[in-house]
Amino acid sequence: MPPSVRVLCDPIDQGNGSFTPIESIINEARVLRDRGVRVIILSMHQTEAYFWQALKAGAVGYLLKKAAIAEFELFLERYPQSTLRDDGG
């Protein structure tokens, strides 16, 4: 089975008026990395500390939402389509 890629985005609306903090998304990246899933984080946070935390947690990319389309297109150009799949999550 080819490796999968998951895109995590903040803030995630929990449906009750609260949002998942970036720290929780970074922790989710760590869990997914341990399962062999490559993670890209789309974030509104420009804080360099979050960028480094995400990379240390195993994210293969940390993209700012305001630049996300162009940066995401570059990412897709660098990874052959055969390595990307929808893992249903």
N, C-alpha and C. Protein backbone atom coordinates (compact mmCIF):
# COMPACT_ATOMS: atom_id res chain seq x y z
N MET A 1 0.85 -1.17 0.00
CA MET A 1 0.00 0.00 0.00
C MET A 1 0.90 1.24 0.00
N PRO A 2 0.65 2.19 -0.89
CA PRO A 2 1.48 3.39 -0.94
C PRO A 2 1.29 4.25 0.30
N PRO A 3 2.29 5.05 0.64
CA PRO A 3 2.14 5.92 1.81
C PRO A 3 1.03 6.93 1.60
N SER A 4 0.39 7.33 2.68
CA SER A 4 -0.69 8.30 2.57
C SER A 4 -0.24 9.66 3.09
N VAL A 5 -0.97 10.66 2.68
CA VAL A 5 -0.71 12.03 3.11
C VAL A 5 -2.00 12.57 3.70
N ARG A 6 -1.90 13.21 4.83
CA ARG A 6 -3.07 13.82 5.47
C ARG A 6 -2.78 15.31 5.62
N VAL A 7 -3.75 16.13 5.29
CA VAL A 7 -3.63 17.57 5.47
C VAL A 7 -4.45 17.95 6.70
N LEU A 8 -3.78 18.54 7.68
CA LEU A 8 -4.45 19.02 8.89
C LEU A 8 -4.52 20.54 8.82
N CYS A 9 -5.66 21.07 9.16
CA CYS A 9 -5.89 22.50 9.01
C CYS A 9 -6.37 23.09 10.33
N ASP A 10 -5.89 24.27 10.67
CA ASP A 10 -6.41 24.94 11.85
C ASP A 10 -7.12 26.22 11.41
N PRO A 11 -7.99 26.74 12.17
CA PRO A 11 -8.61 26.10 13.32
C PRO A 11 -9.69 25.14 12.85
N ILE A 12 -9.85 24.07 13.60
CA ILE A 12 -10.89 23.09 13.29
C ILE A 12 -12.06 23.36 14.22
N ASP A 13 -13.22 23.65 13.65
CA ASP A 13 -14.42 23.93 14.43
C ASP A 13 -14.94 22.62 15.02
N GLN A 14 -15.08 22.57 16.32
CA GLN A 14 -15.55 21.36 17.00
C GLN A 14 -17.08 21.28 17.01
N GLY A 15 -17.75 22.27 16.44
CA GLY A 15 -19.20 22.24 16.34
C GLY A 15 -19.91 22.77 17.57
N ASN A 16 -19.18 23.12 18.60
CA ASN A 16 -19.80 23.64 19.81
C ASN A 16 -19.29 25.04 20.14
N GLY A 17 -18.78 25.71 19.13
CA GLY A 17 -18.25 27.06 19.33
C GLY A 17 -16.79 27.09 19.73
N SER A 18 -16.18 25.93 19.91
CA SER A 18 -14.76 25.90 20.26
C SER A 18 -13.95 25.40 19.08
N PHE A 19 -12.67 25.70 19.10
CA PHE A 19 -11.80 25.33 18.01
C PHE A 19 -10.60 24.57 18.55
N THR A 20 -10.11 23.64 17.74
CA THR A 20 -8.92 22.88 18.12
C THR A 20 -7.71 23.77 18.05
N PRO A 21 -6.93 23.87 19.13
CA PRO A 21 -5.73 24.71 19.09
C PRO A 21 -4.64 24.07 18.24
N ILE A 22 -3.73 24.90 17.75
CA ILE A 22 -2.64 24.42 16.91
C ILE A 22 -1.82 23.35 17.62
N GLU A 23 -1.68 23.45 18.93
CA GLU A 23 -0.91 22.45 19.67
C GLU A 23 -1.51 21.06 19.52
N SER A 24 -2.85 20.98 19.52
CA SER A 24 -3.52 19.69 19.34
C SER A 24 -3.31 19.15 17.93
N ILE A 25 -3.29 20.04 16.96
CA ILE A 25 -3.06 19.63 15.58
C ILE A 25 -1.63 19.10 15.44
N ILE A 26 -0.68 19.74 16.09
CA ILE A 26 0.70 19.27 16.05
C ILE A 26 0.81 17.90 16.72
N ASN A 27 0.10 17.71 17.83
CA ASN A 27 0.09 16.39 18.47
C ASN A 27 -0.52 15.33 17.56
N GLU A 28 -1.57 15.68 16.83
CA GLU A 28 -2.17 14.75 15.87
C GLU A 28 -1.18 14.39 14.78
N ALA A 29 -0.37 15.35 14.37
CA ALA A 29 0.67 15.07 13.36
C ALA A 29 1.64 14.02 13.88
N ARG A 30 1.99 14.09 15.15
CA ARG A 30 2.90 13.12 15.77
C ARG A 30 2.28 11.72 15.76
N VAL A 31 1.01 11.64 16.10
CA VAL A 31 0.30 10.35 16.11
C VAL A 31 0.26 9.76 14.70
N LEU A 32 -0.07 10.59 13.73
CA LEU A 32 -0.15 10.11 12.35
C LEU A 32 1.22 9.70 11.82
N ARG A 33 2.26 10.45 12.17
CA ARG A 33 3.63 10.09 11.77
C ARG A 33 3.97 8.70 12.27
N ASP A 34 3.60 8.41 13.53
CA ASP A 34 3.88 7.10 14.11
C ASP A 34 3.13 5.98 13.40
N ARG A 35 2.07 6.33 12.68
CA ARG A 35 1.30 5.35 11.89
C ARG A 35 1.77 5.29 10.45
N GLY A 36 2.82 6.07 10.13
CA GLY A 36 3.36 6.06 8.78
C GLY A 36 2.69 7.00 7.81
N VAL A 37 1.89 7.93 8.33
CA VAL A 37 1.18 8.90 7.49
C VAL A 37 1.99 10.18 7.41
N ARG A 38 2.20 10.69 6.21
CA ARG A 38 2.86 11.98 6.03
C ARG A 38 1.82 13.08 6.24
N VAL A 39 2.20 14.12 6.95
CA VAL A 39 1.26 15.18 7.33
C VAL A 39 1.74 16.53 6.81
N ILE A 40 0.79 17.27 6.28
CA ILE A 40 1.00 18.67 5.91
C ILE A 40 0.04 19.47 6.78
N ILE A 41 0.54 20.52 7.40
CA ILE A 41 -0.32 21.37 8.23
C ILE A 41 -0.55 22.69 7.51
N LEU A 42 -1.84 23.04 7.36
CA LEU A 42 -2.23 24.36 6.86
C LEU A 42 -2.61 25.18 8.07
N SER A 43 -1.96 26.31 8.26
CA SER A 43 -2.18 27.07 9.49
C SER A 43 -2.29 28.56 9.22
N MET A 44 -3.03 29.22 10.11
CA MET A 44 -3.10 30.67 10.08
C MET A 44 -1.98 31.27 10.94
N HIS A 45 -1.28 30.42 11.71
CA HIS A 45 -0.25 30.88 12.64
C HIS A 45 1.08 31.06 11.93
N GLN A 46 1.62 32.26 11.98
CA GLN A 46 2.90 32.56 11.36
C GLN A 46 4.06 32.45 12.33
N THR A 47 3.78 31.99 13.54
CA THR A 47 4.80 31.88 14.57
C THR A 47 5.83 30.82 14.21
N GLU A 48 7.08 31.21 14.20
CA GLU A 48 8.16 30.29 13.83
C GLU A 48 8.21 29.09 14.77
N ALA A 49 7.88 29.30 16.03
CA ALA A 49 7.91 28.20 17.00
C ALA A 49 6.95 27.08 16.59
N TYR A 50 5.77 27.43 16.09
CA TYR A 50 4.82 26.40 15.64
C TYR A 50 5.37 25.65 14.44
N PHE A 51 6.02 26.36 13.54
CA PHE A 51 6.63 25.72 12.38
C PHE A 51 7.62 24.64 12.83
N TRP A 52 8.52 25.00 13.75
CA TRP A 52 9.53 24.04 14.21
C TRP A 52 8.91 22.90 15.00
N GLN A 53 7.88 23.20 15.80
CA GLN A 53 7.19 22.13 16.54
C GLN A 53 6.54 21.14 15.58
N ALA A 54 5.94 21.67 14.52
CA ALA A 54 5.29 20.81 13.53
C ALA A 54 6.31 19.89 12.85
N LEU A 55 7.45 20.44 12.47
CA LEU A 55 8.48 19.62 11.82
C LEU A 55 9.04 18.58 12.78
N LYS A 56 9.26 18.97 14.03
CA LYS A 56 9.75 18.00 15.02
C LYS A 56 8.73 16.90 15.28
N ALA A 57 7.45 17.23 15.12
CA ALA A 57 6.39 16.24 15.31
C ALA A 57 6.25 15.31 14.11
N GLY A 58 6.96 15.62 13.03
CA GLY A 58 6.94 14.75 11.87
C GLY A 58 6.19 15.26 10.66
N ALA A 59 5.67 16.48 10.72
CA ALA A 59 5.00 17.04 9.55
C ALA A 59 6.01 17.21 8.42
N VAL A 60 5.58 16.90 7.20
CA VAL A 60 6.47 17.08 6.04
C VAL A 60 6.31 18.48 5.44
N GLY A 61 5.32 19.22 5.93
CA GLY A 61 5.13 20.57 5.46
C GLY A 61 4.28 21.38 6.42
N TYR A 62 4.53 22.67 6.46
CA TYR A 62 3.76 23.62 7.27
C TYR A 62 3.51 24.82 6.38
N LEU A 63 2.30 24.95 5.91
CA LEU A 63 1.96 26.00 4.96
C LEU A 63 1.02 27.00 5.59
N LEU A 64 1.27 28.26 5.32
CA LEU A 64 0.37 29.30 5.79
C LEU A 64 -0.84 29.36 4.88
N LYS A 65 -2.00 29.52 5.49
CA LYS A 65 -3.23 29.55 4.70
C LYS A 65 -3.23 30.64 3.64
N LYS A 66 -2.65 31.77 3.95
CA LYS A 66 -2.69 32.88 2.99
C LYS A 66 -1.86 32.58 1.74
N ALA A 67 -0.96 31.62 1.81
CA ALA A 67 -0.15 31.23 0.66
C ALA A 67 -0.40 29.78 0.27
N ALA A 68 -1.43 29.20 0.81
CA ALA A 68 -1.63 27.77 0.72
C ALA A 68 -1.79 27.23 -0.71
N ILE A 69 -2.52 27.90 -1.55
CA ILE A 69 -2.80 27.35 -2.88
C ILE A 69 -1.51 27.19 -3.68
N ALA A 70 -0.73 28.23 -3.78
CA ALA A 70 0.50 28.15 -4.56
C ALA A 70 1.48 27.17 -3.94
N GLU A 71 1.63 27.20 -2.63
CA GLU A 71 2.56 26.29 -1.95
C GLU A 71 2.09 24.85 -2.06
N PHE A 72 0.80 24.61 -1.95
CA PHE A 72 0.27 23.26 -2.06
C PHE A 72 0.47 22.72 -3.48
N GLU A 73 0.30 23.57 -4.47
CA GLU A 73 0.55 23.15 -5.85
C GLU A 73 2.01 22.74 -6.02
N LEU A 74 2.93 23.49 -5.42
CA LEU A 74 4.35 23.12 -5.49
C LEU A 74 4.60 21.78 -4.83
N PHE A 75 3.96 21.54 -3.69
CA PHE A 75 4.11 20.26 -3.00
C PHE A 75 3.65 19.12 -3.91
N LEU A 76 2.49 19.29 -4.52
CA LEU A 76 1.95 18.23 -5.38
C LEU A 76 2.84 17.97 -6.59
N GLU A 77 3.48 19.02 -7.10
CA GLU A 77 4.39 18.84 -8.23
C GLU A 77 5.61 18.02 -7.83
N ARG A 78 6.01 18.12 -6.58
CA ARG A 78 7.22 17.43 -6.11
C ARG A 78 6.98 15.97 -5.75
N TYR A 79 5.74 15.61 -5.45
CA TYR A 79 5.41 14.23 -5.11
C TYR A 79 4.60 13.62 -6.23
N PRO A 80 5.09 12.53 -6.81
CA PRO A 80 4.32 11.87 -7.88
C PRO A 80 2.94 11.46 -7.37
N GLN A 81 1.96 11.57 -8.22
CA GLN A 81 0.59 11.20 -7.84
C GLN A 81 0.50 9.78 -7.30
N SER A 82 1.36 8.89 -7.77
CA SER A 82 1.30 7.51 -7.31
C SER A 82 1.63 7.37 -5.83
N THR A 83 2.27 8.38 -5.23
CA THR A 83 2.59 8.30 -3.80
C THR A 83 1.52 8.91 -2.94
N LEU A 84 0.53 9.58 -3.55
CA LEU A 84 -0.54 10.22 -2.80
C LEU A 84 -1.82 9.42 -2.97
N ARG A 85 -2.53 9.25 -1.88
CA ARG A 85 -3.81 8.58 -1.97
C ARG A 85 -4.73 9.10 -0.88
N ASP A 86 -6.00 8.92 -1.04
CA ASP A 86 -6.98 9.29 -0.03
C ASP A 86 -7.14 8.09 0.88
N ASP A 87 -6.79 8.24 2.16
CA ASP A 87 -6.89 7.11 3.07
C ASP A 87 -8.21 7.08 3.81
N GLY A 88 -9.16 7.87 3.33
CA GLY A 88 -10.50 7.83 3.90
C GLY A 88 -10.67 8.65 5.16
N GLY A 89 -9.60 9.31 5.62
CA GLY A 89 -9.72 10.06 6.87
C GLY A 89 -9.73 11.53 6.69
